[in-house]
Protein backbone atom coordinates (compact mmCIF):
# COMPACT_ATOMS: atom_id res chain seq x y z
CA MET A 1 15.82 -8.31 18.01
CA SER A 2 14.39 -4.83 17.51
CA LEU A 3 10.83 -4.37 16.35
CA ILE A 4 9.97 -1.98 13.53
CA SER A 5 8.40 1.20 14.85
CA VAL A 6 4.86 2.34 14.06
CA LEU A 7 4.70 6.05 13.27
CA HIS A 8 1.58 8.08 14.10
CA ILE A 9 0.47 11.11 12.13
CA ASP A 10 0.76 13.24 15.30
CA LEU A 11 4.56 12.97 15.07
CA PHE A 12 4.55 15.14 11.95
CA GLN A 13 1.85 17.65 12.93
CA SER A 14 3.68 20.10 15.16
CA GLY A 15 1.37 22.96 14.18
CA ARG A 16 -1.71 20.81 13.67
CA ASN A 17 -2.62 22.86 10.62
CA VAL A 18 -5.36 20.37 9.73
CA PRO A 19 -6.29 17.53 12.10
CA ASP A 20 -5.38 14.08 10.72
CA PHE A 21 -3.71 15.55 7.61
CA TYR A 22 -0.09 16.45 6.88
CA PHE A 23 1.61 17.93 3.82
CA ASN A 24 5.24 18.81 3.07
CA THR A 25 7.89 18.99 0.40
CA MET A 26 10.20 15.98 0.36
CA LYS A 27 13.27 18.07 1.24
CA GLU A 28 11.59 19.57 4.28
CA HIS A 29 9.99 16.27 5.29
CA LEU A 30 13.34 14.48 5.29
CA VAL A 31 14.76 17.19 7.57
CA VAL A 32 11.79 17.49 9.94
CA GLY A 33 11.09 13.77 10.18
CA HIS A 34 14.65 12.46 10.03
CA ARG A 35 14.68 11.06 13.54
CA HIS A 36 11.58 9.01 12.75
CA ILE A 37 12.12 7.83 9.17
CA GLU A 38 15.79 6.96 8.76
CA LYS A 39 15.06 3.26 9.42
CA PRO A 40 12.38 0.84 8.12
CA HIS A 41 9.06 1.76 9.71
CA ARG A 42 5.31 1.56 9.25
CA HIS A 43 2.44 4.02 9.63
CA ASP A 44 -1.06 4.02 11.08
CA PHE A 45 -2.19 6.35 8.24
CA TYR A 46 -2.32 6.52 4.43
CA ALA A 47 0.60 8.17 2.63
CA THR A 48 1.13 9.47 -0.92
CA VAL A 49 4.57 10.49 -2.22
CA LEU A 50 5.46 12.16 -5.54
CA PHE A 51 9.12 12.44 -6.56
CA THR A 52 9.91 15.23 -9.03
CA ALA A 53 13.73 15.03 -9.11
CA GLY A 54 16.55 12.83 -7.86
CA GLU A 55 16.76 9.06 -7.68
CA GLY A 56 17.04 6.14 -5.30
CA THR A 57 15.16 3.06 -4.15
CA HIS A 58 11.96 2.71 -2.14
CA GLU A 59 11.18 -0.60 -0.45
CA ILE A 60 7.54 -1.29 0.46
CA ASP A 61 6.52 -4.52 2.16
CA PHE A 62 9.84 -6.11 1.17
CA GLN A 63 9.56 -5.18 -2.52
CA LYS A 64 12.03 -2.69 -3.99
CA TYR A 65 11.02 0.03 -6.45
CA ASP A 66 13.26 2.44 -8.34
CA VAL A 67 12.77 6.13 -7.60
CA SER A 68 13.08 8.81 -10.28
CA ALA A 69 11.25 11.95 -11.42
CA GLY A 70 7.61 10.97 -11.90
CA SER A 71 7.56 8.14 -9.35
CA LEU A 72 4.26 8.27 -7.44
CA PHE A 73 3.87 5.99 -4.42
CA PHE A 74 0.93 4.98 -2.24
CA LEU A 75 1.21 3.38 1.20
CA SER A 76 -1.50 1.90 3.40
CA PRO A 77 -1.51 1.59 7.21
CA GLY A 78 0.66 -1.27 8.44
CA GLN A 79 2.98 -1.48 5.45
CA VAL A 80 6.71 -1.55 6.16
CA HIS A 81 8.76 0.86 4.08
CA SER A 82 12.18 2.45 3.84
CA TRP A 83 14.12 4.34 1.20
CA GLU A 84 17.59 5.31 0.08
CA LEU A 85 17.46 8.63 -1.77
CA SER A 86 19.98 10.87 -3.50
CA GLU A 87 20.83 14.24 -1.95
CA ASP A 88 19.15 16.12 -4.82
CA ILE A 89 15.77 14.46 -4.17
CA GLU A 90 12.70 16.65 -4.58
CA GLY A 91 8.98 16.09 -4.45
CA TYR A 92 5.91 16.21 -2.23
CA ILE A 93 4.35 14.02 0.43
CA PHE A 94 1.04 13.97 2.27
CA PHE A 95 -0.56 11.79 4.93
CA CYS A 96 -4.16 11.40 5.97
CA SER A 97 -6.00 9.23 8.44
CA GLN A 98 -8.82 6.98 7.35
CA GLU A 99 -11.20 9.05 9.50
CA PHE A 100 -10.20 12.34 7.85
CA TYR A 101 -11.10 11.09 4.38
CA GLU A 102 -14.03 8.82 5.09
CA THR A 103 -15.86 11.15 7.48
CA HIS A 104 -16.30 13.51 4.55
CA TYR A 105 -16.66 10.90 1.80
CA VAL A 106 -19.00 8.45 3.46
CA ASN A 107 -19.62 6.40 0.31
CA GLN A 108 -16.00 6.38 -0.91
CA LYS A 109 -13.59 4.28 1.15
CA LEU A 110 -9.85 4.68 0.72
CA ARG A 111 -9.55 0.90 0.42
CA ASN A 112 -11.68 1.08 -2.74
CA PHE A 113 -8.71 2.62 -4.57
CA PRO A 114 -6.67 -0.32 -5.93
CA PHE A 115 -3.32 1.02 -4.73
CA PHE A 116 -4.60 1.30 -1.15
CA GLY A 117 -6.96 -1.65 -0.92
CA SER A 118 -5.21 -4.45 -2.78
CA VAL A 119 -2.04 -6.17 -1.62
CA SER A 120 -1.62 -7.53 -5.15
CA PHE A 121 -1.41 -4.12 -6.85
CA PRO A 122 1.93 -2.33 -7.21
CA ARG A 123 2.40 0.66 -4.95
CA LYS A 124 4.12 2.74 -7.62
CA LEU A 125 2.99 4.60 -10.72
CA GLN A 126 5.65 5.93 -13.08
CA LEU A 127 4.17 9.08 -14.60
CA ASP A 128 5.01 10.36 -18.06
CA GLU A 129 5.81 14.04 -18.63
CA VAL A 130 2.18 15.06 -19.17
CA GLU A 131 0.87 13.23 -16.11
CA LEU A 132 3.76 14.46 -14.00
CA LYS A 133 2.95 18.09 -14.81
CA LYS A 134 -0.72 17.45 -14.01
CA ASN A 135 0.15 15.94 -10.64
CA ILE A 136 2.71 18.59 -9.76
CA HIS A 137 -0.04 21.18 -10.25
CA LEU A 138 -2.41 19.26 -7.96
CA PHE A 139 0.24 18.79 -5.28
CA GLN A 140 1.18 22.47 -5.42
CA GLU A 141 -2.47 23.46 -5.05
CA LEU A 142 -2.68 21.08 -2.11
CA GLU A 143 0.38 22.74 -0.57
CA LYS A 144 -1.17 26.21 -0.95
CA GLU A 145 -4.44 25.13 0.60
CA TYR A 146 -2.64 23.45 3.49
CA GLN A 147 -0.97 26.77 4.37
CA VAL A 148 -3.98 29.12 4.16
CA LYS A 149 -6.80 29.62 6.66
CA ASP A 150 -9.78 30.03 4.37
CA ILE A 151 -13.28 28.72 4.91
CA MET A 152 -14.07 25.15 3.76
CA LYS A 153 -10.34 24.41 3.81
CA GLU A 154 -10.73 20.72 4.61
CA SER A 155 -13.27 20.28 1.81
CA PHE A 156 -10.88 21.80 -0.73
CA ILE A 157 -8.02 19.58 0.50
CA LEU A 158 -10.21 16.51 0.20
CA SER A 159 -11.25 17.53 -3.31
CA LEU A 160 -7.63 17.85 -4.44
CA MET A 161 -6.69 14.54 -2.80
CA SER A 162 -9.58 12.82 -4.55
CA GLN A 163 -8.46 14.17 -7.93
CA ILE A 164 -5.00 12.69 -7.33
CA PHE A 165 -6.45 9.34 -6.25
CA ILE A 166 -9.00 9.10 -9.09
CA ASN A 167 -6.47 10.11 -11.76
CA SER A 168 -4.08 7.49 -10.40
CA ALA A 169 -6.75 4.78 -10.29
CA ARG A 170 -7.52 5.47 -13.95
CA LEU A 171 -3.83 5.21 -14.86
CA PHE A 172 -3.56 1.91 -12.99
CA SER A 173 -6.59 0.60 -14.90
CA LYS A 174 -5.00 1.55 -18.23
CA ASP A 175 -1.86 -0.38 -17.30
CA SER A 176 -3.78 -3.50 -16.30
CA GLU A 177 -5.48 -6.01 -18.56
CA THR A 178 -8.85 -5.12 -17.06
CA SER A 179 -10.74 -3.22 -19.73
CA GLN A 180 -12.97 -0.19 -19.32
CA SER A 181 -15.96 -2.30 -20.32
CA SER A 182 -18.76 -3.22 -17.94
CA ALA A 183 -17.35 -6.76 -17.83
CA GLY A 184 -13.92 -5.43 -16.81
CA ILE A 185 -15.41 -3.22 -14.10
CA SER A 186 -17.42 -6.19 -12.84
CA TYR A 187 -14.26 -8.32 -12.68
CA PHE A 188 -12.47 -5.66 -10.66
CA LYS A 189 -15.37 -5.38 -8.21
CA HIS A 190 -15.41 -9.17 -7.76
CA TYR A 191 -11.66 -9.12 -7.23
CA GLN A 192 -11.98 -6.48 -4.51
CA ASP A 193 -14.61 -8.65 -2.81
CA PHE A 194 -12.24 -11.63 -3.11
CA GLU A 195 -9.40 -9.75 -1.41
CA ALA A 196 -11.73 -8.47 1.31
CA LEU A 197 -12.68 -12.07 2.10
CA ILE A 198 -9.03 -13.15 2.08
CA GLU A 199 -8.27 -10.37 4.56
CA LYS A 200 -10.97 -11.76 6.82
CA TYR A 201 -10.30 -15.49 6.57
CA PHE A 202 -6.76 -16.15 5.28
CA GLN A 203 -5.48 -17.51 8.59
CA GLU A 204 -8.11 -20.26 8.58
CA GLN A 205 -9.07 -20.75 4.93
CA LYS A 206 -6.62 -21.21 2.07
CA SER A 207 -8.56 -22.98 -0.70
CA ILE A 208 -9.95 -21.34 -3.83
CA ALA A 209 -13.13 -23.38 -3.44
CA TYR A 210 -13.92 -21.75 -0.09
CA TYR A 211 -13.70 -18.19 -1.42
CA ALA A 212 -15.43 -19.03 -4.70
CA SER A 213 -18.33 -20.47 -2.73
CA LEU A 214 -18.67 -17.29 -0.64
CA LEU A 215 -18.63 -15.23 -3.84
CA GLY A 216 -21.24 -17.44 -5.49
CA MET A 217 -19.04 -18.54 -8.40
CA THR A 218 -16.94 -21.48 -9.51
CA PRO A 219 -13.22 -21.75 -8.66
CA LYS A 220 -12.50 -21.64 -12.40
CA HIS A 221 -14.28 -18.30 -12.77
CA LEU A 222 -12.55 -16.87 -9.68
CA ASN A 223 -9.24 -17.90 -11.20
CA ARG A 224 -10.19 -16.15 -14.44
CA ILE A 225 -10.99 -12.95 -12.53
CA ALA A 226 -7.67 -13.00 -10.64
CA ARG A 227 -5.68 -13.62 -13.82
CA THR A 228 -7.47 -10.79 -15.62
CA VAL A 229 -7.15 -8.21 -12.85
CA VAL A 230 -3.70 -8.92 -11.35
CA GLN A 231 -2.20 -11.52 -13.72
CA LYS A 232 -1.99 -14.08 -10.90
CA THR A 233 -3.86 -17.23 -10.06
CA ALA A 234 -6.33 -17.07 -7.19
CA THR A 235 -4.07 -19.45 -5.26
CA ASP A 236 -1.12 -17.09 -5.74
CA VAL A 237 -3.22 -14.21 -4.40
CA ILE A 238 -4.18 -16.19 -1.29
CA THR A 239 -0.64 -17.44 -0.72
CA GLY A 240 0.79 -13.97 -1.29
CA ARG A 241 -1.36 -12.53 1.49
CA ILE A 242 -0.34 -15.34 3.87
CA VAL A 243 3.37 -14.91 3.14
CA LEU A 244 3.14 -11.13 3.52
CA GLU A 245 1.55 -11.60 6.94
CA ALA A 246 4.24 -14.14 7.81
CA LYS A 247 6.95 -11.60 6.92
CA ARG A 248 5.30 -8.90 9.00
CA MET A 249 4.95 -11.27 11.95
CA LEU A 250 8.56 -12.34 11.65
CA MET A 251 9.50 -8.66 11.78
CA TYR A 252 7.18 -7.50 14.54
CA LEU A 253 6.70 -10.44 16.91
CA ASP A 254 9.22 -12.07 19.22
CA GLU A 255 7.83 -15.54 18.59
CA SER A 256 9.36 -18.73 17.30
CA LEU A 257 8.99 -19.72 13.65
CA VAL A 258 6.79 -22.63 14.73
CA GLU A 259 4.47 -20.24 16.61
CA VAL A 260 4.23 -17.95 13.58
CA ALA A 261 3.38 -20.91 11.35
CA PHE A 262 0.70 -22.06 13.81
CA ARG A 263 -0.83 -18.55 13.99
CA LEU A 264 -1.19 -18.64 10.20
CA GLY A 265 -2.98 -21.97 10.25
CA TYR A 266 -0.10 -24.36 9.52
CA GLU A 267 0.16 -27.21 12.00
CA GLU A 268 3.04 -28.70 10.05
CA TYR A 269 5.99 -26.29 10.18
CA SER A 270 7.86 -27.94 7.31
CA TYR A 271 4.90 -27.33 4.98
CA PHE A 272 4.81 -23.66 6.01
CA VAL A 273 8.52 -23.37 5.15
CA ARG A 274 7.92 -24.90 1.71
CA VAL A 275 5.07 -22.44 0.99
CA PHE A 276 7.13 -19.48 2.22
CA ARG A 277 10.21 -20.47 0.20
CA LYS A 278 8.27 -21.17 -2.99
CA HIS A 279 6.58 -17.77 -2.88
CA SER A 280 9.45 -15.58 -1.64
CA GLY A 281 12.55 -17.43 -2.86
CA MET A 282 13.98 -17.80 0.65
CA THR A 283 13.24 -19.65 3.87
CA PRO A 284 11.81 -17.86 6.93
CA THR A 285 15.22 -18.13 8.59
CA GLN A 286 16.95 -16.54 5.59
CA PHE A 287 14.33 -13.77 5.59
CA ILE A 288 14.99 -12.98 9.25
CA LYS A 289 18.75 -12.81 8.66
CA LYS A 290 18.20 -10.43 5.75
CA TYR A 291 15.74 -8.01 7.39
CA LYS A 292 16.12 -8.20 11.16
CA VAL A 293 19.02 -6.75 13.09
């Protein structure tokens, strides 16, 4: 069984125009990076992709999204993705390392943006005509700045990136049930804290009560927060993270299904299978047959 490759930003930076940052048009990127990106793969950097023409499908962490003009995608380190795109595809793509962004924006972490920091948020925004024009302008300005050699170049690039990220975060918030009120903002902050704790403890702890206790609230209130922010129960959020890790492990590790279940805190393999099948609609064995070659 072949493991999915991990691509490093260095692979795409032949000229090293800006350390830990890469920008290109989609047409050029698909030509330059073809030998790296024709199969499912994952990155050790953050990626943002805007499609301005063409169509296709983009699969991210085993979820398929349609691609069309106005499709804006965000990928975090470690996510598996692949795409099938029409020959007339056009758009823009940029990568950045966590260090590149967070060294300059000490108080703003990339994981604080919902599309980068939350496994429960969709990785795609479908922009309307007005928002598409606004983003095309920002991406084109980013392309210009990437090519020049002016002073404070990195600062200007970071400013443009931040505008794209902040505009997108606002659009995501409009699409969600979380309001712009102080209560809604508070819910979202609590939800981010909830997911950060899941990321830390999901292999050992799977009960709502455990996370609610760490957050200083009741399980009922934590459930209310999860339903408001991502329209899922808190249990579904916890289980979703476990199953996602199970899928990644099944893809990356040459271990038995029993060993994967044990790594994720399930001593009883049959129970792990039931959880996996209920959440994903297939058994671990069926998943392997579908995705591994």
